[in-house]
Amino acid sequence: MSDVYIRVIPTDPRWQPTAEKATRAAEYIAGLFAGPGDHVEQVEPVFHEHITLIDGGEYMQNLFCPRCDATIGLDWFWALLIARNGGRRVGEPTVDDLGVAVPCCGAELTMAELRFDGPVGFARFEVSVLNWTRHVWDLSNDELAAVSEILGHPVTQIHARY
């Protein structure tokens, strides 16, 4: 059986909250799974030492150039991340340099600007929600706004299955 996650991350890949705010945000999110039929195994704040790829796992299927709309493909992206991680395959690749030149048209972009067909982000912090069920799939805009207020920074969500 695969694990499913909601991964709530700041919109700025380099930003991190205080430990106190991170704990409060995790507690708030855990409380969102308190309705009938709602369930969550684990909700935890996670701090990463470096900017880390927050991907959608099985939901991440392809990659496209936002400038020329060419299909770049995930093989190019994974090879880039492996090269930037010293040739090592790692579970959650770190990405200190988000700059990239795409192979199709040579445009200079950041990795965050690349267009993936599934959810992807880059962050040094996340609230990770493991194996959740809820009557509504996404956290609502109001719920994300509440998390943003708790943390003191705007957030977005990434759904993942591994």
Protein backbone atom coordinates (compact mmCIF):
# COMPACT_ATOMS: atom_id res chain seq x y z
CA MET A 1 0.00 0.00 0.00
CA SER A 2 1.35 3.42 -0.84
CA ASP A 3 1.42 6.41 1.47
CA VAL A 4 -0.39 9.63 0.59
CA TYR A 5 0.60 13.07 1.82
CA ILE A 6 -0.45 16.66 1.87
CA ARG A 7 2.74 18.70 2.13
CA VAL A 8 2.15 22.34 3.06
CA ILE A 9 5.12 24.51 2.11
CA PRO A 10 6.00 28.23 2.11
CA THR A 11 5.87 30.00 -1.24
CA ASP A 12 9.48 31.19 -0.73
CA PRO A 13 11.76 28.11 -0.97
CA ARG A 14 14.35 29.59 1.41
CA TRP A 15 11.96 30.68 4.18
CA GLN A 16 11.57 28.86 7.51
CA PRO A 17 9.33 29.66 10.49
CA THR A 18 10.25 29.52 14.15
CA ALA A 19 9.87 26.12 15.80
CA GLU A 20 6.94 27.47 17.85
CA LYS A 21 5.04 28.66 14.77
CA ALA A 22 5.79 25.39 12.96
CA THR A 23 4.33 23.40 15.86
CA ARG A 24 1.23 25.62 15.99
CA ALA A 25 0.70 25.21 12.23
CA ALA A 26 0.99 21.42 12.51
CA GLU A 27 -1.50 21.40 15.39
CA TYR A 28 -3.95 23.54 13.38
CA ILE A 29 -3.66 21.27 10.33
CA ALA A 30 -4.10 18.13 12.48
CA GLY A 31 -7.33 19.66 13.79
CA LEU A 32 -8.67 19.88 10.22
CA PHE A 33 -8.99 16.08 10.24
CA ALA A 34 -11.39 15.88 13.18
CA GLY A 35 -14.71 15.44 11.31
CA PRO A 36 -16.72 12.25 10.84
CA GLY A 37 -14.81 9.91 8.53
CA ASP A 38 -11.74 12.15 8.61
CA HIS A 39 -8.46 10.50 9.54
CA VAL A 40 -4.77 11.26 9.59
CA GLU A 41 -1.89 9.07 10.76
CA GLN A 42 0.69 11.78 11.36
CA VAL A 43 1.07 15.54 11.04
CA GLU A 44 4.52 16.96 11.68
CA PRO A 45 6.58 20.03 10.94
CA VAL A 46 9.73 19.15 8.97
CA PHE A 47 12.75 21.42 8.68
CA HIS A 48 15.21 20.78 5.85
CA GLU A 49 18.80 22.04 6.08
CA HIS A 50 18.81 22.86 2.36
CA ILE A 51 16.16 23.70 -0.21
CA THR A 52 14.55 20.36 -0.94
CA LEU A 53 12.42 19.08 -3.80
CA ILE A 54 8.87 18.62 -2.54
CA ASP A 55 7.41 16.43 -5.27
CA GLY A 56 4.14 14.62 -5.82
CA GLY A 57 5.69 11.17 -6.12
CA GLU A 58 3.47 9.10 -8.39
CA TYR A 59 1.46 12.25 -9.23
CA MET A 60 4.50 13.83 -10.92
CA GLN A 61 4.41 12.57 -14.50
CA ASN A 62 6.06 15.06 -16.87
CA LEU A 63 7.85 18.40 -17.23
CA PHE A 64 7.35 21.20 -19.74
CA CYS A 65 9.09 24.47 -20.57
CA PRO A 66 7.04 27.50 -19.51
CA ARG A 67 8.68 29.61 -22.25
CA CYS A 68 8.32 27.51 -25.41
CA ASP A 69 5.86 24.80 -24.18
CA ALA A 70 8.24 22.01 -25.23
CA THR A 71 8.09 18.71 -23.38
CA ILE A 72 11.35 18.44 -21.44
CA GLY A 73 10.59 15.21 -19.59
CA LEU A 74 11.45 14.05 -16.12
CA ASP A 75 14.61 12.16 -17.14
CA TRP A 76 16.35 15.50 -17.78
CA PHE A 77 15.12 16.87 -14.44
CA TRP A 78 16.21 13.82 -12.41
CA ALA A 79 19.63 13.81 -14.12
CA LEU A 80 20.02 17.49 -13.22
CA LEU A 81 19.15 16.85 -9.57
CA ILE A 82 21.49 13.86 -9.36
CA ALA A 83 24.32 15.95 -10.85
CA ARG A 84 23.64 18.73 -8.34
CA ASN A 85 23.70 16.20 -5.51
CA GLY A 86 27.22 15.07 -6.37
CA GLY A 87 26.08 12.19 -8.57
CA ARG A 88 24.13 10.59 -5.74
CA ARG A 89 20.54 9.46 -5.98
CA VAL A 90 18.87 10.67 -2.81
CA GLY A 91 15.33 10.27 -1.49
CA GLU A 92 14.64 13.99 -1.23
CA PRO A 93 17.11 15.84 -3.44
CA THR A 94 18.43 19.14 -2.15
CA VAL A 95 18.71 22.07 -4.49
CA ASP A 96 20.75 25.00 -3.20
CA ASP A 97 20.89 26.57 -6.67
CA LEU A 98 17.42 26.83 -8.23
CA GLY A 99 18.77 28.36 -11.46
CA VAL A 100 18.56 26.29 -14.62
CA ALA A 101 18.85 26.64 -18.39
CA VAL A 102 16.21 24.49 -20.09
CA PRO A 103 17.48 22.19 -22.87
CA CYS A 104 14.72 23.04 -25.37
CA CYS A 105 15.11 26.80 -25.89
CA GLY A 106 17.97 27.64 -23.50
CA ALA A 107 15.82 29.97 -21.38
CA GLU A 108 17.35 30.83 -18.00
CA LEU A 109 14.75 30.01 -15.35
CA THR A 110 14.43 28.87 -11.78
CA MET A 111 13.30 25.31 -11.07
CA ALA A 112 10.20 26.77 -9.45
CA GLU A 113 9.25 28.27 -12.83
CA LEU A 114 9.33 24.90 -14.62
CA ARG A 115 5.87 23.56 -15.45
CA PHE A 116 5.17 20.11 -14.09
CA ASP A 117 1.95 18.24 -14.78
CA GLY A 118 1.79 17.21 -11.14
CA PRO A 119 2.38 19.02 -7.87
CA VAL A 120 5.95 20.13 -7.21
CA GLY A 121 7.57 22.71 -4.96
CA PHE A 122 10.87 23.56 -3.34
CA ALA A 123 11.20 24.34 0.36
CA ARG A 124 13.31 24.28 3.51
CA PHE A 125 10.19 23.70 5.61
CA GLU A 126 6.99 21.72 5.31
CA VAL A 127 4.11 20.46 7.37
CA SER A 128 3.78 16.84 6.31
CA VAL A 129 0.37 15.14 6.64
CA LEU A 130 0.61 11.35 6.24
CA ASN A 131 -2.17 8.99 5.08
CA TRP A 132 -5.08 11.34 5.41
CA THR A 133 -8.70 11.01 4.49
CA ARG A 134 -11.12 13.88 4.56
CA HIS A 135 -14.46 14.72 3.04
CA VAL A 136 -12.72 17.45 0.99
CA TRP A 137 -9.54 16.53 -0.94
CA ASP A 138 -7.67 19.86 -0.82
CA LEU A 139 -7.11 22.21 2.05
CA SER A 140 -9.33 25.17 1.22
CA ASN A 141 -8.06 28.67 0.46
CA ASP A 142 -9.36 29.75 3.90
CA GLU A 143 -7.50 26.88 5.61
CA LEU A 144 -4.29 27.71 3.74
CA ALA A 145 -4.75 31.38 4.66
CA ALA A 146 -5.08 30.37 8.33
CA VAL A 147 -1.84 28.33 8.11
CA SER A 148 -0.17 31.33 6.44
CA GLU A 149 -1.31 33.58 9.27
CA ILE A 150 -0.03 31.15 11.93
CA LEU A 151 3.36 30.86 10.19
CA GLY A 152 3.60 34.51 9.15
CA HIS A 153 4.23 33.57 5.50
CA PRO A 154 2.11 32.47 2.50
CA VAL A 155 1.88 28.72 1.85
CA THR A 156 0.76 26.30 -0.83
CA GLN A 157 0.02 22.56 -0.80
CA ILE A 158 1.49 19.63 -2.64
CA HIS A 159 -0.33 16.28 -2.83
CA ALA A 160 1.91 13.23 -3.05
CA ARG A 161 1.69 9.46 -3.27
CA TYR A 162 4.74 7.22 -2.73
